[in-house]
Amino acid sequence: MKRGGYCAWHKGWAEDVALAVVIEQGSGPGGSAYACLPCARPLTQRHDAPEMLKQAVAEMEARAQQPGQAS
């Protein structure tokens, strides 16, 4: 399933985004940040990259390879 959204890294709309960061706080609401495929790829190379991000990037890469899909 392809879904568009706001990429917090390049600060703009993207055709496909994945949850990249979950922001937890001691009090008050937490938050989250989404990244598009080009912005998310380098995040997976960090030593602290969560497995869920690596899986999401793999899924976005697979969708990008499908005919008629934007990368």
C-alpha atoms as a PDB file:
ATOM      1  CA  MET A   1       0.000   0.000   0.000  1.00  0.00           C
ATOM      2  CA  LYS A   2       1.445   3.306  -1.075  1.00  0.00           C
ATOM      3  CA  ARG A   3       0.852   6.337   1.062  1.00  0.00           C
ATOM      4  CA  GLY A   4       1.961   9.894   0.785  1.00  0.00           C
ATOM      5  CA  GLY A   5       2.825  12.244   3.564  1.00  0.00           C
ATOM      6  CA  TYR A   6       5.146  14.854   4.963  1.00  0.00           C
ATOM      7  CA  CYS A   7       8.861  14.050   5.160  1.00  0.00           C
ATOM      8  CA  ALA A   8      10.329  15.677   8.263  1.00  0.00           C
ATOM      9  CA  TRP A   9      13.862  15.507   6.841  1.00  0.00           C
ATOM     10  CA  HIS A  10      13.465  17.398   3.568  1.00  0.00           C
ATOM     11  CA  LYS A  11      10.424  19.234   4.937  1.00  0.00           C
ATOM     12  CA  GLY A  12       8.086  18.529   2.079  1.00  0.00           C
ATOM     13  CA  TRP A  13       5.487  16.205   0.599  1.00  0.00           C
ATOM     14  CA  ALA A  14       6.516  12.736  -0.588  1.00  0.00           C
ATOM     15  CA  GLU A  15       4.574  10.050  -2.421  1.00  0.00           C
ATOM     16  CA  ASP A  16       5.625   7.379   0.076  1.00  0.00           C
ATOM     17  CA  VAL A  17       6.794   7.830   3.665  1.00  0.00           C
ATOM     18  CA  ALA A  18       7.640   5.591   6.611  1.00  0.00           C
ATOM     19  CA  LEU A  19       7.697   6.150  10.333  1.00  0.00           C
ATOM     20  CA  ALA A  20      11.349   6.924  11.082  1.00  0.00           C
ATOM     21  CA  VAL A  21      11.377   8.187  14.678  1.00  0.00           C
ATOM     22  CA  VAL A  22       9.103   7.807  17.682  1.00  0.00           C
ATOM     23  CA  ILE A  23       9.638  10.617  20.166  1.00  0.00           C
ATOM     24  CA  GLU A  24       8.876   9.635  23.747  1.00  0.00           C
ATOM     25  CA  GLN A  25       8.509  12.118  26.584  1.00  0.00           C
ATOM     26  CA  GLY A  26       8.224  11.795  30.318  1.00  0.00           C
ATOM     27  CA  SER A  27       5.139  13.991  30.449  1.00  0.00           C
ATOM     28  CA  GLY A  28       2.825  15.241  27.766  1.00  0.00           C
ATOM     29  CA  PRO A  29       2.233  13.747  24.373  1.00  0.00           C
ATOM     30  CA  GLY A  30       5.090  12.174  22.454  1.00  0.00           C
ATOM     31  CA  GLY A  31       5.451  12.483  18.729  1.00  0.00           C
ATOM     32  CA  SER A  32       6.657  10.886  15.546  1.00  0.00           C
ATOM     33  CA  ALA A  33       8.496  11.827  12.379  1.00  0.00           C
ATOM     34  CA  TYR A  34       8.148  10.315   8.925  1.00  0.00           C
ATOM     35  CA  ALA A  35      10.746  10.131   6.162  1.00  0.00           C
ATOM     36  CA  CYS A  36      10.587   9.511   2.417  1.00  0.00           C
ATOM     37  CA  LEU A  37      12.725   6.782   0.853  1.00  0.00           C
ATOM     38  CA  PRO A  38      15.700   8.982  -0.164  1.00  0.00           C
ATOM     39  CA  CYS A  39      15.814  10.550   3.307  1.00  0.00           C
ATOM     40  CA  ALA A  40      15.185   7.279   5.183  1.00  0.00           C
ATOM     41  CA  ARG A  41      17.925   5.253   3.475  1.00  0.00           C
ATOM     42  CA  PRO A  42      20.823   7.011   5.272  1.00  0.00           C
ATOM     43  CA  LEU A  43      18.976   6.760   8.593  1.00  0.00           C
ATOM     44  CA  THR A  44      19.141   2.954   8.366  1.00  0.00           C
ATOM     45  CA  GLN A  45      22.953   3.162   8.382  1.00  0.00           C
ATOM     46  CA  ARG A  46      23.066   4.707  11.857  1.00  0.00           C
ATOM     47  CA  HIS A  47      24.177   2.396  14.656  1.00  0.00           C
ATOM     48  CA  ASP A  48      20.953   3.099  16.552  1.00  0.00           C
ATOM     49  CA  ALA A  49      18.560   2.612  13.607  1.00  0.00           C
ATOM     50  CA  PRO A  50      15.518   0.645  14.751  1.00  0.00           C
ATOM     51  CA  GLU A  51      14.656  -2.591  12.961  1.00  0.00           C
ATOM     52  CA  MET A  52      11.188  -1.229  12.173  1.00  0.00           C
ATOM     53  CA  LEU A  53      12.799   1.539  10.105  1.00  0.00           C
ATOM     54  CA  LYS A  54      14.985  -0.933   8.214  1.00  0.00           C
ATOM     55  CA  GLN A  55      11.908  -3.037   7.432  1.00  0.00           C
ATOM     56  CA  ALA A  56       9.908   0.020   6.360  1.00  0.00           C
ATOM     57  CA  VAL A  57      12.696   1.125   3.989  1.00  0.00           C
ATOM     58  CA  ALA A  58      12.812  -2.372   2.475  1.00  0.00           C
ATOM     59  CA  GLU A  59       9.042  -2.218   1.910  1.00  0.00           C
ATOM     60  CA  MET A  60       9.266   1.261   0.349  1.00  0.00           C
ATOM     61  CA  GLU A  61      12.075   0.071  -1.942  1.00  0.00           C
ATOM     62  CA  ALA A  62       9.927  -2.853  -3.051  1.00  0.00           C
ATOM     63  CA  ARG A  63       6.992  -0.531  -3.785  1.00  0.00           C
ATOM     64  CA  ALA A  64       9.289   1.820  -5.710  1.00  0.00           C
ATOM     65  CA  GLN A  65      10.310  -1.078  -7.977  1.00  0.00           C
ATOM     66  CA  GLN A  66       6.713  -1.825  -8.949  1.00  0.00           C
ATOM     67  CA  PRO A  67       5.701  -0.544 -12.400  1.00  0.00           C
ATOM     68  CA  GLY A  68       3.854   2.758 -12.287  1.00  0.00           C
ATOM     69  CA  GLN A  69       5.103   3.694  -8.826  1.00  0.00           C
ATOM     70  CA  ALA A  70       7.080   6.825  -8.070  1.00  0.00           C
ATOM     71  CA  SER A  71      10.355   6.445  -6.166  1.00  0.00           C
END
